[in-house]
Amino acid sequence: MGRRHFSKTVSFPVNQVELKGDIVVPEGADLLVINILEEEHSRFADRLKKLSNALNGKKIATFFLYGLLTDKERQISINRLDEELLSDRLIAVTHWLKNHSLTKDMRFGYVGLSVYAERFFRASLKLKNQIESFVFIGEIPPLSVDFCEVPILNIIGALNVKGQESDQTTFKRIESPQKKISRIEGSPSHLEDPQKWNLVTKAATDWFSEPTARMSG
């Protein structure tokens, strides 16, 4: 039995604070992708919302999360760099969705900019088999983890040679059941190029919608 299409902006309590996000559940969806966008990267909101819409078109539910911190918490710079706090928040958000009547029986995934990679890794390690896979976009920052139990896709511009070399080194160090680097041709920074962003959207959508077609990079 399929679910009816559901779309709503929701506010919900997490660890004594209130966060907000847009939840969209297409009919027949059995995978929910949490799409994270922090305030400091709000200029990319239109692109990441376009990605959510593309996933919805493939019958994949999405939760567009407007940051893991409240406005007041963001004013304290150390909070924005506290990966333990941010990963714990992501875990709490995931648990909230796991208990939501519309999404409790779904598989879960994460997508966002590569600067969020550390919290993706930390959350997936603690959540064990509750996360199906995740995708991060752009050059990977230094990480404190070297093990991951879920498949990983990193999307990066093919002209970002230095970033590719860094990401390949990082990927070699990370133990994962499946990992792939998807290169966007002709792009050093696909976040700034709307046409190249279409290729980013396709790579991420294909990853989540066709797991059997994934290939290790």
N, C-alpha and C. Protein backbone atom coordinates (compact mmCIF):
# COMPACT_ATOMS: atom_id res chain seq x y z
N MET A 1 0.84 -1.20 0.00
CA MET A 1 0.00 0.00 0.00
C MET A 1 0.87 1.26 0.00
N GLY A 2 0.62 2.18 -0.90
CA GLY A 2 1.40 3.41 -0.97
C GLY A 2 0.84 4.49 -0.07
N ARG A 3 1.69 5.41 0.32
CA ARG A 3 1.26 6.55 1.12
C ARG A 3 0.80 7.66 0.20
N ARG A 4 -0.15 8.44 0.64
CA ARG A 4 -0.54 9.61 -0.13
C ARG A 4 0.57 10.66 -0.05
N HIS A 5 0.68 11.49 -1.07
CA HIS A 5 1.69 12.54 -1.06
C HIS A 5 1.43 13.48 0.12
N PHE A 6 2.49 13.76 0.87
CA PHE A 6 2.38 14.60 2.06
C PHE A 6 3.50 15.62 2.02
N SER A 7 3.17 16.88 2.28
CA SER A 7 4.18 17.94 2.28
C SER A 7 3.83 18.96 3.36
N LYS A 8 4.80 19.24 4.24
CA LYS A 8 4.52 20.15 5.34
C LYS A 8 5.81 20.67 5.96
N THR A 9 5.81 21.92 6.41
CA THR A 9 6.90 22.46 7.22
C THR A 9 6.58 22.16 8.68
N VAL A 10 7.52 21.54 9.38
CA VAL A 10 7.27 21.13 10.76
C VAL A 10 8.34 21.69 11.69
N SER A 11 7.93 22.00 12.91
CA SER A 11 8.85 22.35 13.99
C SER A 11 8.77 21.24 15.02
N PHE A 12 9.90 20.89 15.60
CA PHE A 12 9.90 19.74 16.50
C PHE A 12 10.99 19.91 17.57
N PRO A 13 10.78 19.35 18.75
CA PRO A 13 11.76 19.49 19.83
C PRO A 13 12.91 18.49 19.68
N VAL A 14 14.12 18.97 19.88
CA VAL A 14 15.31 18.13 19.87
C VAL A 14 16.24 18.60 20.98
N ASN A 15 16.46 17.75 21.95
CA ASN A 15 17.40 18.07 23.04
C ASN A 15 17.14 19.46 23.64
N GLN A 16 15.90 19.73 23.96
CA GLN A 16 15.48 20.96 24.65
C GLN A 16 15.53 22.21 23.77
N VAL A 17 15.70 22.05 22.47
CA VAL A 17 15.57 23.17 21.55
C VAL A 17 14.58 22.78 20.46
N GLU A 18 14.19 23.75 19.65
CA GLU A 18 13.23 23.47 18.57
C GLU A 18 13.89 23.73 17.22
N LEU A 19 13.80 22.74 16.34
CA LEU A 19 14.33 22.85 14.98
C LEU A 19 13.19 22.81 13.99
N LYS A 20 13.49 23.12 12.73
CA LYS A 20 12.45 23.21 11.71
C LYS A 20 12.93 22.57 10.41
N GLY A 21 11.98 21.99 9.68
CA GLY A 21 12.31 21.41 8.39
C GLY A 21 11.08 21.19 7.54
N ASP A 22 11.32 20.95 6.25
CA ASP A 22 10.24 20.65 5.30
C ASP A 22 10.25 19.15 5.02
N ILE A 23 9.13 18.49 5.30
CA ILE A 23 9.03 17.06 5.04
C ILE A 23 8.12 16.83 3.84
N VAL A 24 8.60 16.04 2.89
CA VAL A 24 7.81 15.68 1.70
C VAL A 24 7.86 14.17 1.55
N VAL A 25 6.69 13.56 1.49
CA VAL A 25 6.60 12.10 1.36
C VAL A 25 5.76 11.77 0.13
N PRO A 26 6.39 11.44 -1.00
CA PRO A 26 5.63 11.04 -2.18
C PRO A 26 4.94 9.69 -1.96
N GLU A 27 3.90 9.45 -2.70
CA GLU A 27 3.21 8.17 -2.63
C GLU A 27 4.17 7.04 -3.01
N GLY A 28 4.22 6.01 -2.19
CA GLY A 28 5.06 4.85 -2.48
C GLY A 28 6.49 4.96 -2.01
N ALA A 29 6.86 6.05 -1.35
CA ALA A 29 8.25 6.23 -0.90
C ALA A 29 8.60 5.24 0.20
N ASP A 30 9.81 4.65 0.10
CA ASP A 30 10.30 3.78 1.18
C ASP A 30 11.70 4.20 1.64
N LEU A 31 12.20 5.32 1.10
CA LEU A 31 13.50 5.88 1.50
C LEU A 31 13.31 7.35 1.81
N LEU A 32 13.86 7.81 2.93
CA LEU A 32 13.84 9.22 3.30
C LEU A 32 15.26 9.76 3.33
N VAL A 33 15.52 10.82 2.58
CA VAL A 33 16.83 11.46 2.57
C VAL A 33 16.75 12.77 3.35
N ILE A 34 17.59 12.89 4.38
CA ILE A 34 17.67 14.11 5.16
C ILE A 34 18.67 15.05 4.48
N ASN A 35 18.18 16.19 4.04
CA ASN A 35 18.96 17.18 3.29
C ASN A 35 19.24 18.35 4.23
N ILE A 36 20.51 18.53 4.59
CA ILE A 36 20.87 19.51 5.62
C ILE A 36 21.45 20.78 5.00
N LEU A 37 21.01 21.92 5.50
CA LEU A 37 21.57 23.20 5.06
C LEU A 37 21.71 24.11 6.27
N GLU A 38 22.94 24.44 6.62
CA GLU A 38 23.18 25.35 7.73
C GLU A 38 23.06 26.80 7.26
N GLU A 39 22.79 27.70 8.20
CA GLU A 39 22.54 29.11 7.90
C GLU A 39 23.70 29.75 7.12
N GLU A 40 24.94 29.39 7.47
CA GLU A 40 26.09 30.02 6.82
C GLU A 40 26.22 29.64 5.34
N HIS A 41 25.46 28.64 4.91
CA HIS A 41 25.48 28.23 3.50
C HIS A 41 24.11 28.46 2.84
N SER A 42 23.33 29.37 3.38
CA SER A 42 21.96 29.59 2.90
C SER A 42 21.90 30.05 1.45
N ARG A 43 23.01 30.60 0.93
CA ARG A 43 23.01 31.03 -0.48
C ARG A 43 22.85 29.86 -1.44
N PHE A 44 23.05 28.65 -0.94
CA PHE A 44 22.88 27.46 -1.78
C PHE A 44 21.52 26.80 -1.58
N ALA A 45 20.62 27.47 -0.88
CA ALA A 45 19.32 26.87 -0.55
C ALA A 45 18.54 26.45 -1.80
N ASP A 46 18.51 27.32 -2.81
CA ASP A 46 17.74 27.00 -4.02
C ASP A 46 18.26 25.73 -4.69
N ARG A 47 19.57 25.57 -4.71
CA ARG A 47 20.15 24.39 -5.36
C ARG A 47 19.82 23.12 -4.58
N LEU A 48 19.95 23.18 -3.26
CA LEU A 48 19.68 21.99 -2.46
C LEU A 48 18.19 21.66 -2.43
N LYS A 49 17.34 22.68 -2.52
CA LYS A 49 15.90 22.41 -2.61
C LYS A 49 15.56 21.78 -3.96
N LYS A 50 16.27 22.21 -4.99
CA LYS A 50 16.09 21.58 -6.30
C LYS A 50 16.45 20.10 -6.24
N LEU A 51 17.50 19.78 -5.50
CA LEU A 51 17.89 18.39 -5.32
C LEU A 51 16.80 17.62 -4.59
N SER A 52 16.23 18.20 -3.55
CA SER A 52 15.13 17.55 -2.84
C SER A 52 13.95 17.29 -3.77
N ASN A 53 13.61 18.27 -4.61
CA ASN A 53 12.50 18.11 -5.55
C ASN A 53 12.77 16.97 -6.53
N ALA A 54 14.02 16.87 -6.98
CA ALA A 54 14.38 15.79 -7.91
C ALA A 54 14.24 14.43 -7.23
N LEU A 55 14.63 14.34 -5.98
CA LEU A 55 14.47 13.08 -5.23
C LEU A 55 13.00 12.75 -5.07
N ASN A 56 12.18 13.75 -4.78
CA ASN A 56 10.73 13.52 -4.66
C ASN A 56 10.16 12.97 -5.96
N GLY A 57 10.69 13.47 -7.09
CA GLY A 57 10.24 13.00 -8.39
C GLY A 57 10.55 11.54 -8.64
N LYS A 58 11.51 10.99 -7.89
CA LYS A 58 11.87 9.57 -7.97
C LYS A 58 11.20 8.76 -6.85
N LYS A 59 10.16 9.34 -6.25
CA LYS A 59 9.42 8.69 -5.15
C LYS A 59 10.30 8.45 -3.92
N ILE A 60 11.20 9.39 -3.69
CA ILE A 60 12.04 9.37 -2.49
C ILE A 60 11.59 10.51 -1.58
N ALA A 61 11.28 10.19 -0.34
CA ALA A 61 10.87 11.21 0.62
C ALA A 61 12.08 12.04 1.03
N THR A 62 11.85 13.29 1.39
CA THR A 62 12.94 14.16 1.82
C THR A 62 12.54 14.94 3.07
N PHE A 63 13.56 15.26 3.85
CA PHE A 63 13.39 16.18 4.98
C PHE A 63 14.46 17.25 4.84
N PHE A 64 14.04 18.45 4.43
CA PHE A 64 14.97 19.57 4.25
C PHE A 64 15.12 20.26 5.59
N LEU A 65 16.26 20.06 6.24
CA LEU A 65 16.49 20.53 7.60
C LEU A 65 17.17 21.90 7.59
N TYR A 66 16.53 22.88 8.21
CA TYR A 66 17.07 24.24 8.26
C TYR A 66 18.09 24.38 9.38
N GLY A 67 19.11 23.57 9.34
CA GLY A 67 20.21 23.68 10.30
C GLY A 67 20.01 22.87 11.56
N LEU A 68 21.13 22.50 12.17
CA LEU A 68 21.13 21.69 13.38
C LEU A 68 21.24 22.54 14.65
N LEU A 69 21.32 23.87 14.47
CA LEU A 69 21.40 24.79 15.60
C LEU A 69 20.27 25.81 15.51
N THR A 70 19.88 26.35 16.65
CA THR A 70 18.92 27.45 16.66
C THR A 70 19.65 28.75 16.32
N ASP A 71 18.88 29.80 16.03
CA ASP A 71 19.50 31.10 15.72
C ASP A 71 20.39 31.57 16.87
N LYS A 72 19.92 31.37 18.09
CA LYS A 72 20.68 31.80 19.26
C LYS A 72 21.98 31.00 19.39
N GLU A 73 21.90 29.71 19.13
CA GLU A 73 23.09 28.85 19.24
C GLU A 73 24.12 29.20 18.17
N ARG A 74 23.68 29.60 16.99
CA ARG A 74 24.61 29.94 15.91
C ARG A 74 25.45 31.17 16.23
N GLN A 75 24.95 32.01 17.10
CA GLN A 75 25.69 33.22 17.45
C GLN A 75 26.96 32.91 18.24
N ILE A 76 27.04 31.71 18.79
CA ILE A 76 28.23 31.27 19.52
C ILE A 76 29.09 30.46 18.55
N SER A 77 30.20 31.01 18.12
CA SER A 77 30.99 30.41 17.04
C SER A 77 31.45 28.99 17.36
N ILE A 78 31.74 28.70 18.61
CA ILE A 78 32.23 27.37 18.95
C ILE A 78 31.17 26.30 18.68
N ASN A 79 29.90 26.67 18.77
CA ASN A 79 28.83 25.71 18.48
C ASN A 79 28.87 25.26 17.02
N ARG A 80 29.20 26.19 16.13
CA ARG A 80 29.22 25.88 14.70
C ARG A 80 30.36 24.95 14.33
N LEU A 81 31.33 24.81 15.23
CA LEU A 81 32.49 23.94 14.99
C LEU A 81 32.48 22.69 15.86
N ASP A 82 31.45 22.55 16.67
CA ASP A 82 31.38 21.43 17.62
C ASP A 82 30.75 20.21 16.94
N GLU A 83 31.59 19.37 16.33
CA GLU A 83 31.07 18.24 15.56
C GLU A 83 30.38 17.21 16.46
N GLU A 84 30.78 17.11 17.71
CA GLU A 84 30.09 16.19 18.62
C GLU A 84 28.66 16.66 18.86
N LEU A 85 28.49 17.95 19.11
CA LEU A 85 27.15 18.51 19.28
C LEU A 85 26.33 18.34 18.02
N LEU A 86 26.92 18.68 16.87
CA LEU A 86 26.18 18.65 15.61
C LEU A 86 25.80 17.23 15.20
N SER A 87 26.69 16.27 15.43
CA SER A 87 26.35 14.88 15.10
C SER A 87 25.29 14.34 16.05
N ASP A 88 25.35 14.73 17.32
CA ASP A 88 24.31 14.31 18.27
C ASP A 88 22.95 14.89 17.87
N ARG A 89 22.95 16.11 17.38
CA ARG A 89 21.70 16.72 16.90
C ARG A 89 21.16 15.96 15.68
N LEU A 90 22.07 15.61 14.77
CA LEU A 90 21.65 14.87 13.58
C LEU A 90 21.06 13.52 13.98
N ILE A 91 21.66 12.87 14.95
CA ILE A 91 21.12 11.60 15.45
C ILE A 91 19.73 11.81 16.04
N ALA A 92 19.57 12.88 16.82
CA ALA A 92 18.27 13.17 17.44
C ALA A 92 17.21 13.46 16.38
N VAL A 93 17.58 14.19 15.34
CA VAL A 93 16.65 14.46 14.24
C VAL A 93 16.25 13.16 13.55
N THR A 94 17.23 12.30 13.32
CA THR A 94 16.95 11.00 12.70
C THR A 94 16.01 10.18 13.56
N HIS A 95 16.24 10.16 14.87
CA HIS A 95 15.36 9.43 15.77
C HIS A 95 13.94 10.00 15.73
N TRP A 96 13.84 11.33 15.67
CA TRP A 96 12.51 11.95 15.60
C TRP A 96 11.76 11.49 14.36
N LEU A 97 12.46 11.46 13.24
CA LEU A 97 11.83 11.01 12.00
C LEU A 97 11.53 9.52 12.03
N LYS A 98 12.39 8.75 12.73
CA LYS A 98 12.15 7.32 12.88
C LYS A 98 10.87 7.04 13.67
N ASN A 99 10.47 8.01 14.48
CA ASN A 99 9.26 7.85 15.28
C ASN A 99 8.04 8.54 14.67
N HIS A 100 8.24 9.23 13.54
CA HIS A 100 7.13 9.91 12.86
C HIS A 100 6.28 8.87 12.14
N SER A 101 4.98 9.01 12.23
CA SER A 101 4.08 7.99 11.68
C SER A 101 4.27 7.78 10.18
N LEU A 102 4.64 8.83 9.45
CA LEU A 102 4.78 8.72 8.00
C LEU A 102 6.11 8.12 7.56
N THR A 103 7.12 8.20 8.41
CA THR A 103 8.47 7.82 7.98
C THR A 103 9.12 6.73 8.84
N LYS A 104 8.43 6.24 9.83
CA LYS A 104 9.05 5.32 10.79
C LYS A 104 9.50 4.00 10.17
N ASP A 105 8.88 3.60 9.06
CA ASP A 105 9.23 2.31 8.44
C ASP A 105 10.18 2.46 7.25
N MET A 106 10.67 3.66 7.03
CA MET A 106 11.52 3.91 5.86
C MET A 106 12.99 3.64 6.14
N ARG A 107 13.75 3.46 5.07
CA ARG A 107 15.20 3.51 5.13
C ARG A 107 15.61 4.99 5.12
N PHE A 108 16.81 5.28 5.61
CA PHE A 108 17.22 6.68 5.74
C PHE A 108 18.57 6.92 5.06
N GLY A 109 18.73 8.13 4.53
CA GLY A 109 20.00 8.56 3.96
C GLY A 109 20.24 10.02 4.28
N TYR A 110 21.47 10.47 4.07
CA TYR A 110 21.84 11.87 4.30
C TYR A 110 22.43 12.46 3.02
N VAL A 111 22.20 13.76 2.81
CA VAL A 111 22.86 14.48 1.72
C VAL A 111 23.13 15.91 2.18
N GLY A 112 24.27 16.45 1.74
CA GLY A 112 24.61 17.82 2.10
C GLY A 112 25.99 18.18 1.59
N LEU A 113 26.43 19.38 1.91
CA LEU A 113 27.76 19.83 1.51
C LEU A 113 28.83 19.04 2.25
N SER A 114 30.01 18.95 1.65
CA SER A 114 31.09 18.13 2.23
C SER A 114 31.56 18.66 3.59
N VAL A 115 31.32 19.93 3.86
CA VAL A 115 31.71 20.46 5.18
C VAL A 115 30.92 19.79 6.30
N TYR A 116 29.84 19.08 5.95
CA TYR A 116 29.05 18.36 6.95
C TYR A 116 29.47 16.90 7.07
N ALA A 117 30.50 16.49 6.34
CA ALA A 117 30.87 15.07 6.27
C ALA A 117 31.15 14.46 7.64
N GLU A 118 31.86 15.19 8.49
CA GLU A 118 32.23 14.66 9.80
C GLU A 118 30.99 14.24 10.60
N ARG A 119 29.96 15.08 10.60
CA ARG A 119 28.76 14.72 11.37
C ARG A 119 27.99 13.58 10.73
N PHE A 120 28.06 13.46 9.39
CA PHE A 120 27.45 12.31 8.72
C PHE A 120 28.11 11.02 9.19
N PHE A 121 29.44 11.01 9.17
CA PHE A 121 30.18 9.82 9.58
C PHE A 121 29.89 9.47 11.04
N ARG A 122 29.96 10.45 11.91
CA ARG A 122 29.74 10.19 13.33
C ARG A 122 28.33 9.67 13.59
N ALA A 123 27.34 10.29 12.95
CA ALA A 123 25.96 9.86 13.16
C ALA A 123 25.73 8.45 12.64
N SER A 124 26.25 8.15 11.46
CA SER A 124 26.02 6.82 10.88
C SER A 124 26.68 5.73 11.71
N LEU A 125 27.82 6.03 12.32
CA LEU A 125 28.50 5.04 13.16
C LEU A 125 27.67 4.72 14.40
N LYS A 126 27.04 5.75 14.97
CA LYS A 126 26.23 5.53 16.16
C LYS A 126 24.88 4.91 15.83
N LEU A 127 24.35 5.24 14.66
CA LEU A 127 23.04 4.72 14.27
C LEU A 127 23.12 3.33 13.63
N LYS A 128 24.35 2.87 13.38
CA LYS A 128 24.59 1.53 12.83
C LYS A 128 23.82 1.33 11.52
N ASN A 129 22.97 0.29 11.46
CA ASN A 129 22.32 -0.08 10.20
C ASN A 129 21.07 0.74 9.90
N GLN A 130 20.85 1.84 10.61
CA GLN A 130 19.66 2.65 10.35
C GLN A 130 19.85 3.59 9.16
N ILE A 131 21.11 3.81 8.72
CA ILE A 131 21.39 4.70 7.60
C ILE A 131 21.78 3.88 6.38
N GLU A 132 21.07 4.10 5.27
CA GLU A 132 21.28 3.33 4.05
C GLU A 132 22.55 3.77 3.33
N SER A 133 22.75 5.08 3.21
CA SER A 133 23.95 5.63 2.56
C SER A 133 23.91 7.15 2.72
N PHE A 134 25.01 7.81 2.31
CA PHE A 134 24.95 9.27 2.28
C PHE A 134 25.81 9.84 1.16
N VAL A 135 25.49 11.09 0.82
CA VAL A 135 26.15 11.81 -0.28
C VAL A 135 26.62 13.15 0.25
N PHE A 136 27.89 13.50 -0.01
CA PHE A 136 28.32 14.86 0.29
C PHE A 136 28.93 15.49 -0.96
N ILE A 137 28.76 16.81 -1.05
CA ILE A 137 29.04 17.55 -2.27
C ILE A 137 30.17 18.55 -2.05
N GLY A 138 31.27 18.38 -2.81
CA GLY A 138 32.40 19.29 -2.70
C GLY A 138 33.61 18.61 -2.08
N GLU A 139 34.67 19.40 -1.91
CA GLU A 139 35.93 18.89 -1.37
C GLU A 139 35.77 18.52 0.10
N ILE A 140 36.25 17.33 0.47
CA ILE A 140 36.11 16.83 1.83
C ILE A 140 37.10 17.53 2.76
N PRO A 141 36.63 18.05 3.88
CA PRO A 141 37.55 18.66 4.85
C PRO A 141 38.29 17.58 5.64
N PRO A 142 39.29 17.92 6.43
CA PRO A 142 39.95 16.92 7.27
C PRO A 142 38.95 16.23 8.19
N LEU A 143 39.09 14.91 8.32
CA LEU A 143 38.16 14.12 9.12
C LEU A 143 38.88 13.42 10.26
N SER A 144 38.16 13.17 11.33
CA SER A 144 38.73 12.45 12.47
C SER A 144 38.32 10.98 12.47
N VAL A 145 37.57 10.56 11.44
CA VAL A 145 37.09 9.17 11.38
C VAL A 145 37.76 8.46 10.20
N ASP A 146 37.89 7.16 10.30
CA ASP A 146 38.47 6.38 9.20
C ASP A 146 37.71 5.09 8.95
N PHE A 147 36.47 5.04 9.45
CA PHE A 147 35.65 3.85 9.25
C PHE A 147 34.20 4.27 9.07
N CYS A 148 33.50 3.61 8.15
CA CYS A 148 32.10 3.92 7.90
C CYS A 148 31.40 2.63 7.48
N GLU A 149 30.21 2.40 8.01
CA GLU A 149 29.51 1.15 7.73
C GLU A 149 28.52 1.27 6.58
N VAL A 150 28.42 2.45 5.95
CA VAL A 150 27.45 2.64 4.88
C VAL A 150 28.14 3.12 3.61
N PRO A 151 27.51 2.92 2.44
CA PRO A 151 28.07 3.42 1.18
C PRO A 151 28.13 4.94 1.16
N ILE A 152 29.18 5.46 0.49
CA ILE A 152 29.42 6.91 0.45
C ILE A 152 29.60 7.36 -1.00
N LEU A 153 28.97 8.47 -1.36
CA LEU A 153 29.22 9.13 -2.64
C LEU A 153 29.72 10.54 -2.38
N ASN A 154 30.85 10.88 -2.99
CA ASN A 154 31.37 12.25 -2.94
C ASN A 154 31.30 12.84 -4.34
N ILE A 155 30.63 13.98 -4.49
CA ILE A 155 30.50 14.65 -5.78
C ILE A 155 31.41 15.87 -5.78
N ILE A 156 32.29 15.97 -6.78
CA ILE A 156 33.26 17.07 -6.82
C ILE A 156 33.50 17.50 -8.26
N GLY A 157 33.86 18.76 -8.46
CA GLY A 157 34.14 19.27 -9.80
C GLY A 157 35.40 18.65 -10.38
N ALA A 158 35.34 18.23 -11.64
CA ALA A 158 36.48 17.57 -12.27
C ALA A 158 37.67 18.51 -12.44
N LEU A 159 37.42 19.82 -12.47
CA LEU A 159 38.51 20.78 -12.62
C LEU A 159 39.14 21.17 -11.28
N ASN A 160 38.57 20.68 -10.21
CA ASN A 160 39.15 20.91 -8.88
C ASN A 160 40.19 19.82 -8.61
N VAL A 161 41.33 19.94 -9.27
CA VAL A 161 42.35 18.89 -9.23
C VAL A 161 42.88 18.68 -7.81
N LYS A 162 43.18 19.77 -7.13
CA LYS A 162 43.69 19.66 -5.77
C LYS A 162 42.68 18.99 -4.85
N GLY A 163 41.40 19.36 -5.02
CA GLY A 163 40.35 18.76 -4.21
C GLY A 163 40.19 17.28 -4.48
N GLN A 164 40.28 16.89 -5.76
CA GLN A 164 40.18 15.47 -6.11
C GLN A 164 41.31 14.67 -5.48
N GLU A 165 42.51 15.19 -5.55
CA GLU A 165 43.66 14.48 -4.97
C GLU A 165 43.48 14.32 -3.47
N SER A 166 43.00 15.37 -2.82
CA SER A 166 42.77 15.32 -1.38
C SER A 166 41.68 14.31 -1.04
N ASP A 167 40.59 14.33 -1.84
CA ASP A 167 39.47 13.42 -1.58
C ASP A 167 39.87 11.97 -1.80
N GLN A 168 40.67 11.71 -2.84
CA GLN A 168 41.13 10.35 -3.09
C GLN A 168 41.99 9.84 -1.94
N THR A 169 42.83 10.71 -1.40
CA THR A 169 43.66 10.33 -0.25
C THR A 169 42.77 10.02 0.95
N THR A 170 41.76 10.85 1.16
CA THR A 170 40.83 10.64 2.28
C THR A 170 40.07 9.33 2.10
N PHE A 171 39.60 9.08 0.88
CA PHE A 171 38.83 7.86 0.60
C PHE A 171 39.67 6.60 0.82
N LYS A 172 40.95 6.66 0.46
CA LYS A 172 41.81 5.50 0.66
C LYS A 172 41.94 5.16 2.14
N ARG A 173 41.87 6.18 2.96
CA ARG A 173 42.02 5.99 4.41
C ARG A 173 40.73 5.48 5.06
N ILE A 174 39.58 5.80 4.45
CA ILE A 174 38.30 5.44 5.03
C ILE A 174 37.90 4.03 4.62
N GLU A 175 37.62 3.21 5.59
CA GLU A 175 37.12 1.86 5.33
C GLU A 175 35.60 1.92 5.22
N SER A 176 35.05 1.49 4.09
CA SER A 176 33.62 1.56 3.84
C SER A 176 33.22 0.42 2.92
N PRO A 177 31.98 -0.10 3.04
CA PRO A 177 31.55 -1.18 2.15
C PRO A 177 31.47 -0.75 0.70
N GLN A 178 31.31 0.55 0.46
CA GLN A 178 31.24 1.06 -0.91
C GLN A 178 31.49 2.56 -0.89
N LYS A 179 32.36 3.02 -1.78
CA LYS A 179 32.64 4.45 -1.84
C LYS A 179 32.93 4.84 -3.29
N LYS A 180 32.44 6.00 -3.66
CA LYS A 180 32.57 6.45 -5.04
C LYS A 180 32.77 7.95 -5.08
N ILE A 181 33.63 8.40 -6.00
CA ILE A 181 33.78 9.83 -6.28
C ILE A 181 33.18 10.09 -7.65
N SER A 182 32.19 10.97 -7.71
CA SER A 182 31.56 11.35 -8.97
C SER A 182 32.09 12.72 -9.38
N ARG A 183 32.73 12.79 -10.55
CA ARG A 183 33.36 14.03 -11.01
C ARG A 183 32.44 14.75 -12.00
N ILE A 184 32.18 16.02 -11.72
CA ILE A 184 31.34 16.84 -12.60
C ILE A 184 32.25 17.51 -13.63
N GLU A 185 32.14 17.08 -14.87
CA GLU A 185 33.05 17.53 -15.93
C GLU A 185 32.92 19.04 -16.18
N GLY A 186 34.08 19.66 -16.42
CA GLY A 186 34.12 21.07 -16.78
C GLY A 186 33.79 22.01 -15.65
N SER A 187 33.86 21.51 -14.41
CA SER A 187 33.45 22.34 -13.29
C SER A 187 34.49 22.36 -12.18
N PRO A 188 34.99 23.56 -11.81
CA PRO A 188 35.82 23.66 -10.62
C PRO A 188 34.97 23.84 -9.38
N SER A 189 33.81 24.51 -9.54
CA SER A 189 32.91 24.78 -8.42
C SER A 189 31.47 24.73 -8.91
N HIS A 190 30.90 23.53 -8.92
CA HIS A 190 29.55 23.34 -9.45
C HIS A 190 28.49 24.02 -8.60
N LEU A 191 28.82 24.38 -7.36
CA LEU A 191 27.85 25.09 -6.52
C LEU A 191 27.51 26.46 -7.09
N GLU A 192 28.45 27.05 -7.83
CA GLU A 192 28.25 28.39 -8.37
C GLU A 192 27.68 28.37 -9.79
N ASP A 193 27.57 27.22 -10.40
CA ASP A 193 27.14 27.10 -11.80
C ASP A 193 25.81 26.34 -11.86
N PRO A 194 24.69 27.04 -12.13
CA PRO A 194 23.38 26.38 -12.15
C PRO A 194 23.30 25.20 -13.12
N GLN A 195 23.96 25.32 -14.29
CA GLN A 195 23.90 24.23 -15.26
C GLN A 195 24.65 23.00 -14.75
N LYS A 196 25.81 23.23 -14.14
CA LYS A 196 26.56 22.10 -13.58
C LYS A 196 25.81 21.48 -12.41
N TRP A 197 25.03 22.30 -11.71
CA TRP A 197 24.27 21.76 -10.58
C TRP A 197 23.27 20.70 -11.03
N ASN A 198 22.78 20.81 -12.27
CA ASN A 198 21.90 19.78 -12.80
C ASN A 198 22.60 18.42 -12.80
N LEU A 199 23.90 18.41 -13.08
CA LEU A 199 24.67 17.16 -13.08
C LEU A 199 24.87 16.65 -11.67
N VAL A 200 25.05 17.57 -10.72
CA VAL A 200 25.15 17.18 -9.31
C VAL A 200 23.84 16.52 -8.87
N THR A 201 22.74 17.16 -9.22
CA THR A 201 21.42 16.63 -8.86
C THR A 201 21.22 15.24 -9.43
N LYS A 202 21.61 15.04 -10.69
CA LYS A 202 21.44 13.73 -11.31
C LYS A 202 22.30 12.67 -10.63
N ALA A 203 23.55 13.02 -10.30
CA ALA A 203 24.44 12.05 -9.65
C ALA A 203 23.89 11.62 -8.30
N ALA A 204 23.41 12.58 -7.51
CA ALA A 204 22.86 12.26 -6.19
C ALA A 204 21.56 11.48 -6.31
N THR A 205 20.71 11.88 -7.23
CA THR A 205 19.42 11.20 -7.41
C THR A 205 19.63 9.77 -7.89
N ASP A 206 20.53 9.57 -8.83
CA ASP A 206 20.82 8.21 -9.30
C ASP A 206 21.36 7.34 -8.17
N TRP A 207 22.20 7.92 -7.34
CA TRP A 207 22.80 7.17 -6.22
C TRP A 207 21.72 6.62 -5.29
N PHE A 208 20.78 7.49 -4.92
CA PHE A 208 19.75 7.08 -3.97
C PHE A 208 18.66 6.22 -4.62
N SER A 209 18.33 6.49 -5.89
CA SER A 209 17.21 5.79 -6.52
C SER A 209 17.60 4.47 -7.16
N GLU A 210 18.90 4.28 -7.43
CA GLU A 210 19.35 3.05 -8.10
C GLU A 210 20.53 2.43 -7.36
N PRO A 211 20.31 1.98 -6.12
CA PRO A 211 21.43 1.43 -5.32
C PRO A 211 22.10 0.22 -5.94
N THR A 212 21.35 -0.57 -6.72
CA THR A 212 21.95 -1.76 -7.33
C THR A 212 22.90 -1.41 -8.47
N ALA A 213 22.81 -0.17 -8.97
CA ALA A 213 23.67 0.25 -10.09
C ALA A 213 24.92 0.97 -9.63
N ARG A 214 25.10 1.11 -8.32
CA ARG A 214 26.27 1.80 -7.80
C ARG A 214 27.55 1.03 -8.12
N MET A 215 28.60 1.79 -8.40
CA MET A 215 29.90 1.19 -8.65
C MET A 215 30.92 1.85 -7.75
N SER A 216 31.86 1.10 -7.25
CA SER A 216 32.91 1.67 -6.40
C SER A 216 33.80 2.58 -7.22
N GLY A 217 34.20 3.70 -6.59
CA GLY A 217 35.09 4.64 -7.27
C GLY A 217 36.50 4.45 -6.81
